[in-house]
Amino acid sequence: MATGGHRMKVLSLYKQLLRESQKFDSYNYRMYAFRRIRDAFRENKALADGAKIENELSYGRKNLEIIKRQTVIGHMFQAPDKLVIEK
């Protein structure tokens, strides 16, 4: 997905998405977000067109904002217990 000057932007966005997704309280949401982020970046790994890369970066930034909002909302309404797999 990254060519030339886009490489640092792509890696930065990837790290930000992963960091924010780890803030979900729910194990299921965390793992779902992790898989979706990883799969999306792998799927677009071979992109070479600058315009397409910018489109995908824009889409990723919008999703980053969604994840941030959802984690804040999730912290407002926390589940009482963790899953067995989380302990």
N, C-alpha and C. Protein backbone atom coordinates (compact mmCIF):
# COMPACT_ATOMS: atom_id res chain seq x y z
N MET A 1 0.82 -1.19 0.00
CA MET A 1 0.00 0.00 0.00
C MET A 1 0.86 1.25 0.00
N ALA A 2 2.02 1.18 0.51
CA ALA A 2 2.82 2.38 0.68
C ALA A 2 3.86 2.52 -0.42
N THR A 3 3.86 3.67 -1.06
CA THR A 3 4.88 3.97 -2.04
C THR A 3 5.44 5.34 -1.72
N GLY A 4 6.73 5.46 -1.75
CA GLY A 4 7.37 6.75 -1.56
C GLY A 4 7.01 7.43 -0.25
N GLY A 5 6.43 8.62 -0.35
CA GLY A 5 6.12 9.44 0.82
C GLY A 5 4.94 8.96 1.63
N HIS A 6 4.18 8.01 1.08
CA HIS A 6 3.01 7.52 1.79
C HIS A 6 3.35 6.49 2.86
N ARG A 7 4.51 5.92 2.79
CA ARG A 7 4.87 4.82 3.69
C ARG A 7 4.74 5.20 5.16
N MET A 8 5.28 6.34 5.54
CA MET A 8 5.23 6.77 6.94
C MET A 8 3.80 7.07 7.38
N LYS A 9 3.00 7.67 6.49
CA LYS A 9 1.60 7.96 6.81
C LYS A 9 0.84 6.66 7.05
N VAL A 10 1.08 5.68 6.20
CA VAL A 10 0.37 4.40 6.30
C VAL A 10 0.75 3.69 7.59
N LEU A 11 2.04 3.63 7.89
CA LEU A 11 2.49 2.96 9.11
C LEU A 11 1.97 3.67 10.36
N SER A 12 1.97 4.99 10.33
CA SER A 12 1.46 5.76 11.46
C SER A 12 -0.02 5.49 11.68
N LEU A 13 -0.80 5.50 10.61
CA LEU A 13 -2.23 5.24 10.72
C LEU A 13 -2.48 3.83 11.23
N TYR A 14 -1.72 2.87 10.74
CA TYR A 14 -1.85 1.48 11.17
C TYR A 14 -1.62 1.36 12.68
N LYS A 15 -0.56 1.97 13.17
CA LYS A 15 -0.25 1.93 14.60
C LYS A 15 -1.32 2.62 15.42
N GLN A 16 -1.82 3.76 14.94
CA GLN A 16 -2.87 4.48 15.66
C GLN A 16 -4.14 3.64 15.74
N LEU A 17 -4.51 3.01 14.64
CA LEU A 17 -5.70 2.18 14.62
C LEU A 17 -5.56 1.01 15.60
N LEU A 18 -4.42 0.36 15.59
CA LEU A 18 -4.20 -0.76 16.50
C LEU A 18 -4.23 -0.31 17.96
N ARG A 19 -3.59 0.83 18.24
CA ARG A 19 -3.56 1.35 19.61
C ARG A 19 -4.96 1.68 20.11
N GLU A 20 -5.73 2.34 19.27
CA GLU A 20 -7.09 2.72 19.67
C GLU A 20 -7.99 1.50 19.82
N SER A 21 -7.81 0.51 18.96
CA SER A 21 -8.66 -0.68 19.03
C SER A 21 -8.41 -1.46 20.32
N GLN A 22 -7.23 -1.33 20.90
CA GLN A 22 -6.93 -2.03 22.15
C GLN A 22 -7.62 -1.39 23.35
N LYS A 23 -8.25 -0.25 23.16
CA LYS A 23 -8.94 0.44 24.25
C LYS A 23 -10.37 -0.05 24.46
N PHE A 24 -10.86 -0.90 23.54
CA PHE A 24 -12.20 -1.46 23.74
C PHE A 24 -12.20 -2.32 24.99
N ASP A 25 -13.22 -2.17 25.81
CA ASP A 25 -13.35 -2.99 27.02
C ASP A 25 -13.66 -4.44 26.68
N SER A 26 -14.48 -4.62 25.68
CA SER A 26 -14.92 -5.96 25.30
C SER A 26 -13.85 -6.69 24.49
N TYR A 27 -13.52 -7.88 24.94
CA TYR A 27 -12.55 -8.71 24.24
C TYR A 27 -12.98 -8.95 22.79
N ASN A 28 -14.27 -9.23 22.61
CA ASN A 28 -14.78 -9.52 21.27
C ASN A 28 -14.61 -8.32 20.33
N TYR A 29 -14.90 -7.12 20.81
CA TYR A 29 -14.72 -5.92 19.99
C TYR A 29 -13.24 -5.68 19.68
N ARG A 30 -12.39 -5.88 20.69
CA ARG A 30 -10.95 -5.70 20.47
C ARG A 30 -10.43 -6.62 19.39
N MET A 31 -10.78 -7.89 19.49
CA MET A 31 -10.28 -8.87 18.52
C MET A 31 -10.88 -8.64 17.13
N TYR A 32 -12.15 -8.26 17.07
CA TYR A 32 -12.78 -7.96 15.78
C TYR A 32 -12.08 -6.78 15.11
N ALA A 33 -11.87 -5.71 15.86
CA ALA A 33 -11.21 -4.52 15.31
C ALA A 33 -9.80 -4.86 14.85
N PHE A 34 -9.07 -5.62 15.65
CA PHE A 34 -7.70 -6.03 15.29
C PHE A 34 -7.70 -6.78 13.96
N ARG A 35 -8.59 -7.77 13.84
CA ARG A 35 -8.65 -8.56 12.60
C ARG A 35 -9.03 -7.71 11.39
N ARG A 36 -10.01 -6.82 11.57
CA ARG A 36 -10.45 -5.98 10.45
C ARG A 36 -9.34 -5.03 10.00
N ILE A 37 -8.62 -4.45 10.95
CA ILE A 37 -7.53 -3.54 10.62
C ILE A 37 -6.43 -4.29 9.90
N ARG A 38 -6.00 -5.39 10.47
CA ARG A 38 -4.92 -6.19 9.87
C ARG A 38 -5.30 -6.65 8.46
N ASP A 39 -6.50 -7.16 8.30
CA ASP A 39 -6.93 -7.67 7.00
C ASP A 39 -7.05 -6.56 5.95
N ALA A 40 -7.55 -5.40 6.36
CA ALA A 40 -7.69 -4.28 5.43
C ALA A 40 -6.33 -3.80 4.93
N PHE A 41 -5.36 -3.72 5.84
CA PHE A 41 -4.03 -3.28 5.42
C PHE A 41 -3.35 -4.33 4.56
N ARG A 42 -3.54 -5.59 4.85
CA ARG A 42 -2.97 -6.64 4.00
C ARG A 42 -3.60 -6.63 2.62
N GLU A 43 -4.90 -6.40 2.57
CA GLU A 43 -5.62 -6.39 1.30
C GLU A 43 -5.13 -5.26 0.40
N ASN A 44 -4.79 -4.14 0.98
CA ASN A 44 -4.36 -2.97 0.21
C ASN A 44 -2.85 -2.80 0.15
N LYS A 45 -2.14 -3.82 0.54
CA LYS A 45 -0.68 -3.77 0.58
C LYS A 45 -0.05 -3.46 -0.78
N ALA A 46 -0.66 -3.93 -1.85
CA ALA A 46 -0.08 -3.81 -3.18
C ALA A 46 -0.50 -2.55 -3.92
N LEU A 47 -1.26 -1.67 -3.29
CA LEU A 47 -1.68 -0.44 -3.97
C LEU A 47 -0.46 0.39 -4.34
N ALA A 48 -0.49 0.93 -5.56
CA ALA A 48 0.63 1.75 -6.02
C ALA A 48 0.18 3.13 -6.47
N ASP A 49 -1.09 3.28 -6.80
CA ASP A 49 -1.61 4.56 -7.27
C ASP A 49 -1.77 5.53 -6.10
N GLY A 50 -1.15 6.69 -6.22
CA GLY A 50 -1.18 7.68 -5.14
C GLY A 50 -2.57 8.12 -4.75
N ALA A 51 -3.46 8.28 -5.73
CA ALA A 51 -4.82 8.71 -5.45
C ALA A 51 -5.58 7.64 -4.66
N LYS A 52 -5.38 6.39 -5.02
CA LYS A 52 -6.05 5.30 -4.31
C LYS A 52 -5.52 5.19 -2.89
N ILE A 53 -4.23 5.38 -2.73
CA ILE A 53 -3.63 5.33 -1.39
C ILE A 53 -4.21 6.45 -0.53
N GLU A 54 -4.32 7.64 -1.09
CA GLU A 54 -4.90 8.77 -0.34
C GLU A 54 -6.35 8.49 0.03
N ASN A 55 -7.10 7.87 -0.89
CA ASN A 55 -8.48 7.50 -0.59
C ASN A 55 -8.54 6.54 0.59
N GLU A 56 -7.70 5.53 0.57
CA GLU A 56 -7.67 4.54 1.65
C GLU A 56 -7.21 5.16 2.96
N LEU A 57 -6.25 6.09 2.90
CA LEU A 57 -5.81 6.78 4.11
C LEU A 57 -6.95 7.61 4.70
N SER A 58 -7.69 8.27 3.84
CA SER A 58 -8.83 9.06 4.30
C SER A 58 -9.88 8.16 4.95
N TYR A 59 -10.15 7.03 4.33
CA TYR A 59 -11.11 6.06 4.87
C TYR A 59 -10.61 5.54 6.23
N GLY A 60 -9.31 5.28 6.33
CA GLY A 60 -8.74 4.81 7.59
C GLY A 60 -8.83 5.84 8.69
N ARG A 61 -8.61 7.11 8.35
CA ARG A 61 -8.71 8.19 9.35
C ARG A 61 -10.14 8.33 9.86
N LYS A 62 -11.12 8.19 8.96
CA LYS A 62 -12.52 8.25 9.37
C LYS A 62 -12.83 7.10 10.34
N ASN A 63 -12.31 5.93 10.03
CA ASN A 63 -12.53 4.78 10.90
C ASN A 63 -11.81 4.94 12.23
N LEU A 64 -10.67 5.59 12.23
CA LEU A 64 -9.96 5.87 13.48
C LEU A 64 -10.83 6.74 14.38
N GLU A 65 -11.46 7.75 13.81
CA GLU A 65 -12.34 8.62 14.60
C GLU A 65 -13.54 7.83 15.14
N ILE A 66 -14.07 6.92 14.34
CA ILE A 66 -15.19 6.09 14.80
C ILE A 66 -14.75 5.22 15.97
N ILE A 67 -13.57 4.61 15.86
CA ILE A 67 -13.07 3.77 16.95
C ILE A 67 -12.88 4.59 18.22
N LYS A 68 -12.34 5.78 18.07
CA LYS A 68 -12.14 6.66 19.24
C LYS A 68 -13.47 6.96 19.92
N ARG A 69 -14.50 7.31 19.13
CA ARG A 69 -15.81 7.60 19.70
C ARG A 69 -16.40 6.38 20.39
N GLN A 70 -16.28 5.23 19.74
CA GLN A 70 -16.87 4.01 20.29
C GLN A 70 -16.18 3.59 21.60
N THR A 71 -14.88 3.80 21.70
CA THR A 71 -14.21 3.43 22.94
C THR A 71 -14.64 4.35 24.08
N VAL A 72 -14.83 5.63 23.79
CA VAL A 72 -15.30 6.56 24.82
C VAL A 72 -16.69 6.15 25.28
N ILE A 73 -17.57 5.85 24.33
CA ILE A 73 -18.93 5.43 24.68
C ILE A 73 -18.88 4.12 25.46
N GLY A 74 -18.02 3.21 25.05
CA GLY A 74 -17.89 1.93 25.74
C GLY A 74 -17.44 2.08 27.18
N HIS A 75 -16.59 3.06 27.44
CA HIS A 75 -16.14 3.29 28.81
C HIS A 75 -17.24 3.89 29.68
N MET A 76 -18.20 4.54 29.05
CA MET A 76 -19.33 5.09 29.81
C MET A 76 -20.26 3.99 30.30
N PHE A 77 -20.36 2.93 29.53
CA PHE A 77 -21.29 1.84 29.83
C PHE A 77 -20.54 0.53 29.93
N GLN A 78 -19.67 0.41 30.90
CA GLN A 78 -18.81 -0.76 31.04
C GLN A 78 -19.60 -1.98 31.47
N ALA A 79 -19.18 -3.12 30.93
CA ALA A 79 -19.75 -4.41 31.36
C ALA A 79 -19.15 -4.74 32.73
N PRO A 80 -19.90 -5.38 33.60
CA PRO A 80 -19.42 -5.63 34.96
C PRO A 80 -18.27 -6.63 35.05
N ASP A 81 -18.31 -7.70 34.28
CA ASP A 81 -17.28 -8.73 34.40
C ASP A 81 -16.57 -8.96 33.07
N LYS A 82 -15.33 -9.41 33.18
CA LYS A 82 -14.57 -9.77 32.00
C LYS A 82 -14.86 -11.22 31.64
N LEU A 83 -14.56 -11.56 30.41
CA LEU A 83 -14.74 -12.94 29.96
C LEU A 83 -13.68 -13.82 30.58
N VAL A 84 -13.92 -15.11 30.62
CA VAL A 84 -12.97 -16.08 31.17
C VAL A 84 -11.66 -16.01 30.41
N ILE A 85 -11.72 -15.81 29.10
CA ILE A 85 -10.52 -15.79 28.27
C ILE A 85 -9.61 -14.60 28.58
N GLU A 86 -10.16 -13.55 29.18
CA GLU A 86 -9.40 -12.34 29.48
C GLU A 86 -8.64 -12.42 30.81
N LYS A 87 -8.97 -13.34 31.66
CA LYS A 87 -8.37 -13.38 33.00
C LYS A 87 -7.02 -14.04 33.00
